Structure formats: structure tokens, C-alpha cells
Amino acid sequence: MNTIAVFKSRTQALSVYRYLQSKKIACITINTPSRLRLGCGISILFSSAYINEVKTIVKALGATSFLGFYNK
């Protein structure tokens, strides 16, 4: 299963994305699904197996625009 991390800020979404890549966590940026009606329009899609690592990274980077995780 995959998880989507949604942000209000494109800058923070891309910052988290680049950091995840640097840590070798497989992820891609996607357009935020319109059904969610949230955020800046860019989200990060990753394997749900990495959710604990991503939570830690979002918190460590101080991503205040983070809105939440959604299953895809």
C-alpha cells in the first residue's frame, strides 16, 4: 500500500521530498488528488512501510505546513 503526505507549502513539500531521497527512501512527488481538496497541489507518495521514518523526518525538518497522511 502507498501513503500520500500532503502539505500546504510547495517549498516544504519539496524540501521533505529531497530529504527523503537523500535518505534513500523511495518516493515521488504527485499532484495532490483533487478528492482530498487540501494543500498546495504537490504531495509526496511513498510506500506505507516507511511511514514511521517519514513522520520522524517531517517533525525533524519542522514542516509546519504538513497537513497529514492519506492512504492511496
PDB file of N, CA and C in Angstrom:
ATOM      1  N   MET A   1       0.850  -1.171   0.000  1.00  0.00           N
ATOM      2  CA  MET A   1       0.000   0.000   0.000  1.00  0.00           C
ATOM      3  C   MET A   1       0.901   1.241   0.000  1.00  0.00           C
ATOM      4  N   ASN A   2       0.384   2.320  -0.544  1.00  0.00           N
ATOM      5  CA  ASN A   2       1.113   3.580  -0.591  1.00  0.00           C
ATOM      6  C   ASN A   2       0.430   4.629   0.270  1.00  0.00           C
ATOM      7  N   THR A   3       1.208   5.596   0.682  1.00  0.00           N
ATOM      8  CA  THR A   3       0.724   6.702   1.502  1.00  0.00           C
ATOM      9  C   THR A   3       1.080   8.013   0.825  1.00  0.00           C
ATOM     10  N   ILE A   4       0.207   9.002   0.985  1.00  0.00           N
ATOM     11  CA  ILE A   4       0.432  10.346   0.459  1.00  0.00           C
ATOM     12  C   ILE A   4       0.632  11.287   1.640  1.00  0.00           C
ATOM     13  N   ALA A   5       1.703  12.068   1.593  1.00  0.00           N
ATOM     14  CA  ALA A   5       1.938  13.126   2.581  1.00  0.00           C
ATOM     15  C   ALA A   5       1.547  14.449   1.923  1.00  0.00           C
ATOM     16  N   VAL A   6       0.625  15.169   2.550  1.00  0.00           N
ATOM     17  CA  VAL A   6       0.079  16.405   1.978  1.00  0.00           C
ATOM     18  C   VAL A   6       0.589  17.613   2.772  1.00  0.00           C
ATOM     19  N   PHE A   7       0.930  18.668   2.043  1.00  0.00           N
ATOM     20  CA  PHE A   7       1.474  19.892   2.631  1.00  0.00           C
ATOM     21  C   PHE A   7       0.731  21.107   2.103  1.00  0.00           C
ATOM     22  N   LYS A   8       0.708  22.193   2.889  1.00  0.00           N
ATOM     23  CA  LYS A   8       0.154  23.469   2.438  1.00  0.00           C
ATOM     24  C   LYS A   8       1.176  24.266   1.635  1.00  0.00           C
ATOM     25  N   SER A   9       2.455  23.960   1.835  1.00  0.00           N
ATOM     26  CA  SER A   9       3.537  24.712   1.211  1.00  0.00           C
ATOM     27  C   SER A   9       4.294  23.855   0.206  1.00  0.00           C
ATOM     28  N   ARG A  10       4.387  24.355  -1.029  1.00  0.00           N
ATOM     29  CA  ARG A  10       5.167  23.644  -2.046  1.00  0.00           C
ATOM     30  C   ARG A  10       6.630  23.555  -1.631  1.00  0.00           C
ATOM     31  N   THR A  11       7.147  24.631  -1.058  1.00  0.00           N
ATOM     32  CA  THR A  11       8.548  24.670  -0.652  1.00  0.00           C
ATOM     33  C   THR A  11       8.842  23.584   0.373  1.00  0.00           C
ATOM     34  N   GLN A  12       7.987  23.453   1.372  1.00  0.00           N
ATOM     35  CA  GLN A  12       8.208  22.429   2.381  1.00  0.00           C
ATOM     36  C   GLN A  12       8.001  21.024   1.817  1.00  0.00           C
ATOM     37  N   ALA A  13       7.036  20.852   0.949  1.00  0.00           N
ATOM     38  CA  ALA A  13       6.815  19.538   0.327  1.00  0.00           C
ATOM     39  C   ALA A  13       8.062  19.110  -0.440  1.00  0.00           C
ATOM     40  N   LEU A  14       8.630  20.023  -1.208  1.00  0.00           N
ATOM     41  CA  LEU A  14       9.818  19.686  -1.986  1.00  0.00           C
ATOM     42  C   LEU A  14      11.042  19.496  -1.098  1.00  0.00           C
ATOM     43  N   SER A  15      11.115  20.222  -0.013  1.00  0.00           N
ATOM     44  CA  SER A  15      12.214  20.067   0.928  1.00  0.00           C
ATOM     45  C   SER A  15      12.183  18.675   1.561  1.00  0.00           C
ATOM     46  N   VAL A  16      11.011  18.259   2.003  1.00  0.00           N
ATOM     47  CA  VAL A  16      10.861  16.916   2.577  1.00  0.00           C
ATOM     48  C   VAL A  16      11.159  15.864   1.524  1.00  0.00           C
ATOM     49  N   TYR A  17      10.666  16.058   0.321  1.00  0.00           N
ATOM     50  CA  TYR A  17      10.915  15.123  -0.782  1.00  0.00           C
ATOM     51  C   TYR A  17      12.411  14.948  -1.023  1.00  0.00           C
ATOM     52  N   ARG A  18      13.146  16.042  -1.122  1.00  0.00           N
ATOM     53  CA  ARG A  18      14.585  15.961  -1.364  1.00  0.00           C
ATOM     54  C   ARG A  18      15.301  15.254  -0.204  1.00  0.00           C
ATOM     55  N   TYR A  19      14.863  15.522   1.014  1.00  0.00           N
ATOM     56  CA  TYR A  19      15.472  14.876   2.172  1.00  0.00           C
ATOM     57  C   TYR A  19      15.198  13.369   2.166  1.00  0.00           C
ATOM     58  N   LEU A  20      13.980  12.988   1.836  1.00  0.00           N
ATOM     59  CA  LEU A  20      13.655  11.558   1.746  1.00  0.00           C
ATOM     60  C   LEU A  20      14.534  10.873   0.703  1.00  0.00           C
ATOM     61  N   GLN A  21      14.722  11.527  -0.429  1.00  0.00           N
ATOM     62  CA  GLN A  21      15.578  10.956  -1.462  1.00  0.00           C
ATOM     63  C   GLN A  21      17.011  10.811  -0.973  1.00  0.00           C
ATOM     64  N   SER A  22      17.491  11.798  -0.241  1.00  0.00           N
ATOM     65  CA  SER A  22      18.874  11.731   0.264  1.00  0.00           C
ATOM     66  C   SER A  22      19.054  10.581   1.248  1.00  0.00           C
ATOM     67  N   LYS A  23      17.973  10.173   1.908  1.00  0.00           N
ATOM     68  CA  LYS A  23      17.999   9.046   2.842  1.00  0.00           C
ATOM     69  C   LYS A  23      17.642   7.726   2.160  1.00  0.00           C
ATOM     70  N   LYS A  24      17.565   7.761   0.824  1.00  0.00           N
ATOM     71  CA  LYS A  24      17.285   6.556   0.015  1.00  0.00           C
ATOM     72  C   LYS A  24      15.904   5.958   0.286  1.00  0.00           C
ATOM     73  N   ILE A  25      14.944   6.818   0.638  1.00  0.00           N
ATOM     74  CA  ILE A  25      13.562   6.383   0.795  1.00  0.00           C
ATOM     75  C   ILE A  25      12.858   6.640  -0.530  1.00  0.00           C
ATOM     76  N   ALA A  26      12.410   5.582  -1.169  1.00  0.00           N
ATOM     77  CA  ALA A  26      11.774   5.690  -2.477  1.00  0.00           C
ATOM     78  C   ALA A  26      10.487   6.501  -2.366  1.00  0.00           C
ATOM     79  N   CYS A  27      10.410   7.576  -3.132  1.00  0.00           N
ATOM     80  CA  CYS A  27       9.227   8.434  -3.120  1.00  0.00           C
ATOM     81  C   CYS A  27       9.173   9.226  -4.418  1.00  0.00           C
ATOM     82  N   ILE A  28       8.004   9.737  -4.710  1.00  0.00           N
ATOM     83  CA  ILE A  28       7.826  10.617  -5.862  1.00  0.00           C
ATOM     84  C   ILE A  28       6.908  11.761  -5.452  1.00  0.00           C
ATOM     85  N   THR A  29       6.996  12.860  -6.188  1.00  0.00           N
ATOM     86  CA  THR A  29       6.029  13.933  -5.984  1.00  0.00           C
ATOM     87  C   THR A  29       4.882  13.694  -6.954  1.00  0.00           C
ATOM     88  N   ILE A  30       3.689  14.003  -6.493  1.00  0.00           N
ATOM     89  CA  ILE A  30       2.497  13.850  -7.316  1.00  0.00           C
ATOM     90  C   ILE A  30       1.613  15.084  -7.127  1.00  0.00           C
ATOM     91  N   ASN A  31       0.702  15.275  -8.039  1.00  0.00           N
ATOM     92  CA  ASN A  31      -0.335  16.283  -7.831  1.00  0.00           C
ATOM     93  C   ASN A  31      -1.248  15.757  -6.728  1.00  0.00           C
ATOM     94  N   THR A  32      -1.558  16.610  -5.775  1.00  0.00           N
ATOM     95  CA  THR A  32      -2.456  16.206  -4.701  1.00  0.00           C
ATOM     96  C   THR A  32      -3.807  15.825  -5.316  1.00  0.00           C
ATOM     97  N   PRO A  33      -4.304  14.634  -5.015  1.00  0.00           N
ATOM     98  CA  PRO A  33      -5.596  14.227  -5.586  1.00  0.00           C
ATOM     99  C   PRO A  33      -6.686  15.249  -5.261  1.00  0.00           C
ATOM    100  N   SER A  34      -7.453  15.607  -6.249  1.00  0.00           N
ATOM    101  CA  SER A  34      -8.486  16.636  -6.066  1.00  0.00           C
ATOM    102  C   SER A  34      -9.551  16.205  -5.063  1.00  0.00           C
ATOM    103  N   ARG A  35      -9.728  14.920  -4.879  1.00  0.00           N
ATOM    104  CA  ARG A  35     -10.723  14.442  -3.912  1.00  0.00           C
ATOM    105  C   ARG A  35     -10.353  14.833  -2.482  1.00  0.00           C
ATOM    106  N   LEU A  36      -9.060  15.074  -2.226  1.00  0.00           N
ATOM    107  CA  LEU A  36      -8.636  15.488  -0.895  1.00  0.00           C
ATOM    108  C   LEU A  36      -8.938  16.958  -0.623  1.00  0.00           C
ATOM    109  N   ARG A  37      -8.939  17.768  -1.681  1.00  0.00           N
ATOM    110  CA  ARG A  37      -9.226  19.207  -1.573  1.00  0.00           C
ATOM    111  C   ARG A  37      -8.392  19.878  -0.481  1.00  0.00           C
ATOM    112  N   LEU A  38      -7.113  19.558  -0.485  1.00  0.00           N
ATOM    113  CA  LEU A  38      -6.193  20.075   0.524  1.00  0.00           C
ATOM    114  C   LEU A  38      -4.904  20.541  -0.128  1.00  0.00           C
ATOM    115  N   GLY A  39      -4.200  21.385   0.562  1.00  0.00           N
ATOM    116  CA  GLY A  39      -2.808  21.660   0.273  1.00  0.00           C
ATOM    117  C   GLY A  39      -2.492  22.521  -0.915  1.00  0.00           C
ATOM    118  N   CYS A  40      -1.218  22.480  -1.263  1.00  0.00           N
ATOM    119  CA  CYS A  40      -0.654  23.363  -2.275  1.00  0.00           C
ATOM    120  C   CYS A  40      -0.727  22.781  -3.669  1.00  0.00           C
ATOM    121  N   GLY A  41      -1.088  21.535  -3.789  1.00  0.00           N
ATOM    122  CA  GLY A  41      -1.157  20.908  -5.109  1.00  0.00           C
ATOM    123  C   GLY A  41      -0.079  19.870  -5.342  1.00  0.00           C
ATOM    124  N   ILE A  42       0.967  19.855  -4.497  1.00  0.00           N
ATOM    125  CA  ILE A  42       2.018  18.841  -4.607  1.00  0.00           C
ATOM    126  C   ILE A  42       2.063  18.039  -3.317  1.00  0.00           C
ATOM    127  N   SER A  43       2.096  16.722  -3.483  1.00  0.00           N
ATOM    128  CA  SER A  43       2.205  15.818  -2.348  1.00  0.00           C
ATOM    129  C   SER A  43       3.320  14.826  -2.620  1.00  0.00           C
ATOM    130  N   ILE A  44       3.659  14.056  -1.601  1.00  0.00           N
ATOM    131  CA  ILE A  44       4.701  13.039  -1.727  1.00  0.00           C
ATOM    132  C   ILE A  44       4.059  11.670  -1.571  1.00  0.00           C
ATOM    133  N   LEU A  45       4.327  10.798  -2.512  1.00  0.00           N
ATOM    134  CA  LEU A  45       3.817   9.430  -2.495  1.00  0.00           C
ATOM    135  C   LEU A  45       4.966   8.495  -2.137  1.00  0.00           C
ATOM    136  N   PHE A  46       4.748   7.624  -1.162  1.00  0.00           N
ATOM    137  CA  PHE A  46       5.780   6.688  -0.730  1.00  0.00           C
ATOM    138  C   PHE A  46       5.118   5.417  -0.223  1.00  0.00           C
ATOM    139  N   SER A  47       5.913   4.377  -0.066  1.00  0.00           N
ATOM    140  CA  SER A  47       5.408   3.108   0.458  1.00  0.00           C
ATOM    141  C   SER A  47       5.029   3.281   1.925  1.00  0.00           C
ATOM    142  N   SER A  48       3.888   2.734   2.292  1.00  0.00           N
ATOM    143  CA  SER A  48       3.418   2.812   3.673  1.00  0.00           C
ATOM    144  C   SER A  48       4.404   2.179   4.653  1.00  0.00           C
ATOM    145  N   ALA A  49       5.289   1.327   4.166  1.00  0.00           N
ATOM    146  CA  ALA A  49       6.287   0.696   5.029  1.00  0.00           C
ATOM    147  C   ALA A  49       7.225   1.736   5.657  1.00  0.00           C
ATOM    148  N   TYR A  50       7.332   2.916   5.054  1.00  0.00           N
ATOM    149  CA  TYR A  50       8.233   3.965   5.530  1.00  0.00           C
ATOM    150  C   TYR A  50       7.540   5.040   6.360  1.00  0.00           C
ATOM    151  N   ILE A  51       6.303   4.834   6.744  1.00  0.00           N
ATOM    152  CA  ILE A  51       5.550   5.911   7.394  1.00  0.00           C
ATOM    153  C   ILE A  51       6.212   6.406   8.682  1.00  0.00           C
ATOM    154  N   ASN A  52       6.767   5.522   9.482  1.00  0.00           N
ATOM    155  CA  ASN A  52       7.404   5.977  10.718  1.00  0.00           C
ATOM    156  C   ASN A  52       8.623   6.840  10.438  1.00  0.00           C
ATOM    157  N   GLU A  53       9.419   6.461   9.432  1.00  0.00           N
ATOM    158  CA  GLU A  53      10.578   7.259   9.059  1.00  0.00           C
ATOM    159  C   GLU A  53      10.155   8.626   8.531  1.00  0.00           C
ATOM    160  N   VAL A  54       9.104   8.644   7.708  1.00  0.00           N
ATOM    161  CA  VAL A  54       8.633   9.910   7.138  1.00  0.00           C
ATOM    162  C   VAL A  54       8.077  10.809   8.243  1.00  0.00           C
ATOM    163  N   LYS A  55       7.344  10.255   9.184  1.00  0.00           N
ATOM    164  CA  LYS A  55       6.839  11.050  10.317  1.00  0.00           C
ATOM    165  C   LYS A  55       7.991  11.715  11.057  1.00  0.00           C
ATOM    166  N   THR A  56       9.029  10.944  11.322  1.00  0.00           N
ATOM    167  CA  THR A  56      10.195  11.469  12.030  1.00  0.00           C
ATOM    168  C   THR A  56      10.860  12.592  11.240  1.00  0.00           C
ATOM    169  N   ILE A  57      10.989  12.415   9.940  1.00  0.00           N
ATOM    170  CA  ILE A  57      11.635  13.412   9.092  1.00  0.00           C
ATOM    171  C   ILE A  57      10.806  14.687   9.018  1.00  0.00           C
ATOM    172  N   VAL A  58       9.493  14.555   8.856  1.00  0.00           N
ATOM    173  CA  VAL A  58       8.613  15.731   8.801  1.00  0.00           C
ATOM    174  C   VAL A  58       8.756  16.542  10.088  1.00  0.00           C
ATOM    175  N   LYS A  59       8.773  15.848  11.210  1.00  0.00           N
ATOM    176  CA  LYS A  59       8.915  16.526  12.500  1.00  0.00           C
ATOM    177  C   LYS A  59      10.303  17.158  12.644  1.00  0.00           C
ATOM    178  N   ALA A  60      11.347  16.422  12.264  1.00  0.00           N
ATOM    179  CA  ALA A  60      12.722  16.908  12.400  1.00  0.00           C
ATOM    180  C   ALA A  60      12.983  18.136  11.528  1.00  0.00           C
ATOM    181  N   LEU A  61      12.352  18.190  10.356  1.00  0.00           N
ATOM    182  CA  LEU A  61      12.531  19.322   9.452  1.00  0.00           C
ATOM    183  C   LEU A  61      11.637  20.506   9.822  1.00  0.00           C
ATOM    184  N   GLY A  62      10.759  20.315  10.789  1.00  0.00           N
ATOM    185  CA  GLY A  62       9.871  21.403  11.206  1.00  0.00           C
ATOM    186  C   GLY A  62       8.898  21.818  10.119  1.00  0.00           C
ATOM    187  N   ALA A  63       8.381  20.848   9.398  1.00  0.00           N
ATOM    188  CA  ALA A  63       7.460  21.117   8.289  1.00  0.00           C
ATOM    189  C   ALA A  63       6.085  21.496   8.848  1.00  0.00           C
ATOM    190  N   THR A  64       5.939  22.754   9.197  1.00  0.00           N
ATOM    191  CA  THR A  64       4.707  23.241   9.822  1.00  0.00           C
ATOM    192  C   THR A  64       3.515  23.250   8.868  1.00  0.00           C
ATOM    193  N   SER A  65       3.777  23.143   7.569  1.00  0.00           N
ATOM    194  CA  SER A  65       2.677  23.140   6.606  1.00  0.00           C
ATOM    195  C   SER A  65       2.145  21.736   6.329  1.00  0.00           C
ATOM    196  N   PHE A  66       2.689  20.743   7.021  1.00  0.00           N
ATOM    197  CA  PHE A  66       2.241  19.368   6.839  1.00  0.00           C
ATOM    198  C   PHE A  66       0.785  19.233   7.287  1.00  0.00           C
ATOM    199  N   LEU A  67      -0.048  18.651   6.417  1.00  0.00           N
ATOM    200  CA  LEU A  67      -1.479  18.506   6.718  1.00  0.00           C
ATOM    201  C   LEU A  67      -1.872  17.103   7.157  1.00  0.00           C
ATOM    202  N   GLY A  68      -1.125  16.104   6.732  1.00  0.00           N
ATOM    203  CA  GLY A  68      -1.450  14.746   7.147  1.00  0.00           C
ATOM    204  C   GLY A  68      -1.103  13.700   6.130  1.00  0.00           C
ATOM    205  N   PHE A  69      -1.321  12.443   6.533  1.00  0.00           N
ATOM    206  CA  PHE A  69      -1.080  11.291   5.688  1.00  0.00           C
ATOM    207  C   PHE A  69      -2.420  10.717   5.230  1.00  0.00           C
ATOM    208  N   TYR A  70      -2.441  10.248   4.000  1.00  0.00           N
ATOM    209  CA  TYR A  70      -3.645   9.635   3.426  1.00  0.00           C
ATOM    210  C   TYR A  70      -3.237   8.382   2.677  1.00  0.00           C
ATOM    211  N   ASN A  71      -4.005   7.325   2.839  1.00  0.00           N
ATOM    212  CA  ASN A  71      -3.738   6.081   2.097  1.00  0.00           C
ATOM    213  C   ASN A  71      -4.186   6.226   0.675  1.00  0.00           C
ATOM    214  N   LYS A  72      -3.412   5.655  -0.205  1.00  0.00           N
ATOM    215  CA  LYS A  72      -3.780   5.668  -1.630  1.00  0.00           C
ATOM    216  C   LYS A  72      -4.159   4.273  -2.030  1.00  0.00           C
TER     217      LYS A  72
END
